Protein backbone atom coordinates (compact mmCIF):
# COMPACT_ATOMS: atom_id res chain seq x y z
CA MET A 1 72.77 -36.65 -26.55
CA THR A 2 75.74 -34.52 -27.15
CA GLY A 3 76.79 -31.69 -29.37
CA PRO A 4 74.33 -29.99 -31.67
CA GLY A 5 71.31 -31.97 -30.35
CA VAL A 6 71.85 -30.76 -26.78
CA ALA A 7 72.28 -27.17 -27.98
CA ALA A 8 69.01 -27.40 -29.99
CA VAL A 9 67.14 -28.84 -27.00
CA LEU A 10 68.52 -26.13 -24.66
CA GLU A 11 67.66 -23.41 -27.16
CA ARG A 12 64.14 -24.82 -27.51
CA SER A 13 63.84 -24.93 -23.70
CA ASP A 14 65.01 -21.31 -23.41
CA GLU A 15 62.43 -20.31 -26.05
CA ARG A 16 59.68 -22.03 -24.04
CA ASP A 17 60.87 -20.35 -20.83
CA ARG A 18 60.73 -16.92 -22.53
CA TYR A 19 57.25 -17.72 -23.91
CA THR A 20 56.05 -18.79 -20.46
CA GLN A 21 57.60 -15.66 -18.92
CA ARG A 22 55.80 -13.46 -21.49
CA ILE A 23 52.50 -15.14 -20.62
CA ILE A 24 53.13 -14.61 -16.90
CA ASP A 25 54.16 -10.97 -17.47
CA ALA A 26 51.08 -10.33 -19.63
CA TRP A 27 48.85 -11.88 -16.98
CA ARG A 28 50.52 -9.81 -14.23
CA ASP A 29 50.18 -6.60 -16.31
CA GLY A 30 46.53 -7.34 -17.05
CA TYR A 31 45.82 -8.10 -13.40
CA ALA A 32 47.52 -4.88 -12.31
CA ALA A 33 45.60 -2.87 -14.94
CA ALA A 34 42.28 -4.40 -13.86
CA GLU A 35 43.12 -3.78 -10.21
CA ALA A 36 43.92 -0.14 -10.97
CA ALA A 37 40.78 0.31 -13.08
CA HIS A 38 38.50 -1.21 -10.45
CA ALA A 39 40.21 -0.01 -7.28
CA ASP A 40 37.11 1.87 -6.09
CA ASP A 41 34.65 -0.90 -6.96
CA TYR A 42 34.94 -2.63 -3.59
CA GLU A 43 34.23 0.59 -1.71
CA ALA A 44 31.39 1.49 -4.10
CA GLY A 45 29.90 -1.98 -3.73
CA PHE A 46 30.22 -1.79 0.03
CA ALA A 47 28.51 1.63 0.05
CA ASP A 48 25.75 0.33 -2.24
CA GLY A 49 25.23 -2.64 0.05
CA ALA A 50 25.11 -0.41 3.13
CA MET A 51 22.56 1.89 1.45
CA ALA A 52 20.42 -1.10 0.41
CA LEU A 53 20.54 -2.40 3.99
CA LYS A 54 19.46 0.99 5.37
CA ALA A 55 16.64 1.20 2.82
CA ALA A 56 15.46 -2.28 3.85
CA GLN A 57 15.58 -1.25 7.53
CA HIS A 58 13.53 1.89 6.80
CA ASP A 59 11.01 -0.21 4.84
CA ALA A 60 10.78 -2.66 7.74
CA CYS A 61 10.08 0.20 10.18
CA ARG A 62 7.46 1.69 7.88
CA LEU A 63 5.77 -1.69 7.43
CA ALA A 64 5.85 -2.30 11.20
CA GLU A 65 4.08 1.03 11.77
CA LEU A 66 1.55 0.13 9.10
CA GLU A 67 0.94 -3.24 10.73
CA ALA A 68 0.49 -1.59 14.14
CA ARG A 69 -2.03 0.85 12.66
CA ARG A 70 -3.81 -2.02 10.94
CA TRP A 71 -4.28 -3.81 14.23
CA SER A 72 -5.75 -0.76 15.99
CA LEU A 73 -9.16 0.80 15.73
CA ARG A 74 -9.62 4.41 16.83
CA GLY A 75 -6.39 4.17 18.80
CA GLU A 76 -7.50 1.03 20.63
CA PRO A 77 -5.13 -1.90 20.13
CA ARG A 78 -6.82 -4.94 18.65
CA THR A 79 -5.93 -8.59 19.07
CA ARG A 80 -6.46 -11.47 16.73
CA GLN A 81 -9.62 -12.39 18.67
CA SER A 82 -11.10 -8.86 18.66
CA PHE A 83 -10.00 -7.79 15.17
CA ALA A 84 -13.35 -8.45 13.47
CA GLN A 85 -15.48 -7.29 16.39
CA PRO A 86 -17.12 -3.86 16.15
CA HIS A 87 -15.78 -0.99 18.19
CA PRO A 88 -17.93 -0.34 21.28
CA ALA A 89 -18.79 3.12 19.92
CA ASP A 90 -19.99 1.72 16.57
CA TYR A 91 -23.67 1.69 15.68
CA GLN A 92 -24.98 -1.65 16.97
CA GLY A 93 -28.34 -1.58 15.15
CA GLY A 94 -31.83 -0.77 16.24
CA PRO A 95 -33.54 2.61 16.09
CA LEU A 96 -31.22 5.55 15.79
CA PRO A 97 -31.46 8.08 18.57
CA LEU A 98 -32.67 11.48 17.49
CA GLU A 99 -29.44 13.42 17.81
CA ARG A 100 -30.48 16.42 15.75
CA PRO A 101 -33.92 17.96 16.24
CA GLY A 102 -35.59 18.80 12.95
CA GLU A 103 -33.38 16.41 10.98
CA VAL A 104 -33.87 12.80 9.95
CA TRP A 105 -31.46 10.01 9.10
CA LEU A 106 -31.73 9.11 5.45
CA GLY A 107 -30.04 6.05 4.03
CA GLY A 108 -29.80 2.29 4.19
CA PRO A 109 -32.38 -0.29 3.15
CA ALA A 110 -35.33 2.06 3.69
CA VAL A 111 -34.20 4.06 0.69
CA HIS A 112 -32.17 1.48 -1.24
CA HIS A 113 -34.82 -1.22 -1.40
CA HIS A 114 -34.92 -1.34 -5.19
CA ARG A 115 -32.48 -3.10 -7.48
CA PRO A 116 -30.46 -1.94 -9.25
CA CYS A 117 -29.75 1.38 -7.57
CA THR A 118 -30.10 4.40 -9.83
CA GLN A 119 -27.94 7.44 -10.34
CA VAL A 120 -30.26 9.40 -8.03
CA CYS A 121 -29.54 6.89 -5.25
CA ARG A 122 -25.85 7.48 -5.66
CA SER A 123 -26.24 11.25 -5.81
CA TYR A 124 -26.61 11.61 -2.06
CA ARG A 125 -24.70 10.23 0.88
CA PRO A 126 -26.43 8.55 3.82
CA GLY A 127 -26.62 10.91 6.76
CA TRP A 128 -28.65 13.48 8.66
CA TYR A 129 -30.81 15.73 6.48
CA PRO A 130 -33.33 18.48 7.26
CA ALA A 131 -36.85 17.12 6.82
CA ALA A 132 -37.56 19.23 3.71
CA VAL A 133 -34.34 18.08 1.99
CA ALA A 134 -35.02 14.43 2.92
CA ALA A 135 -38.54 14.74 1.44
CA ALA A 136 -37.09 16.19 -1.78
CA ILE A 137 -34.61 13.31 -2.04
CA LEU A 138 -37.36 10.74 -1.49
CA GLU A 139 -39.50 12.36 -4.21
CA ARG A 140 -36.72 11.77 -6.75
CA LEU A 141 -36.14 8.14 -5.77
CA PRO A 142 -38.00 5.30 -7.44
CA GLY A 143 -40.52 3.52 -5.27
CA ASP A 144 -43.52 4.40 -3.12
CA HIS A 145 -42.48 6.90 -0.45
CA VAL A 146 -45.77 8.88 -0.25
CA GLU A 147 -46.41 8.27 3.45
CA GLU A 148 -42.83 9.05 4.42
CA ILE A 149 -42.80 12.21 2.25
CA SER A 150 -46.04 13.47 3.81
CA ARG A 151 -44.69 12.78 7.31
CA LEU A 152 -41.46 14.65 6.48
CA ALA A 153 -43.40 17.55 4.93
CA ALA A 154 -45.52 17.84 8.11
CA MET A 155 -42.37 17.68 10.20
CA ALA A 156 -40.73 20.42 8.11
CA ALA A 157 -43.83 22.61 8.28
CA GLY A 158 -44.40 22.16 12.00
CA GLY A 159 -40.73 21.93 13.06
CA GLY A 160 -41.57 18.77 15.00
CA GLU A 161 -39.50 15.66 15.51
CA ALA A 162 -39.65 12.51 13.44
CA ALA A 163 -41.76 9.75 14.91
């Protein structure tokens, strides 16, 4: 190959070199523009990651406190074996001691023996009541409470203790 053929091949090669150089320059310009536009993204991403890590650490501390409270009862630490056991100060059953003279404990199966419970049943909370108030509550409840009402009325009139 000599003469005009070589010149045509060289010119074609130069054209391809310029085309390749334009592609490389365009890629370099685009890379530089993207780098300039997103220069703060790494720092922002790092800060976001650090904040997410701190939030997760705070959540872990909060959940650890919650778990510690869950495994304690009245400040007493509980173990897996004692978790379902009642606290020693809990009511263990049997007759309730008379803690309040002139008042009676009202609640539980003695009052809620009927099914389904009525709105009147739900209108009071189980607890200690003066004898007259307890008698009034029992009068409104369904069921036969005549003996208990008369005992409470006598107790309220005489100021005595419940038997």
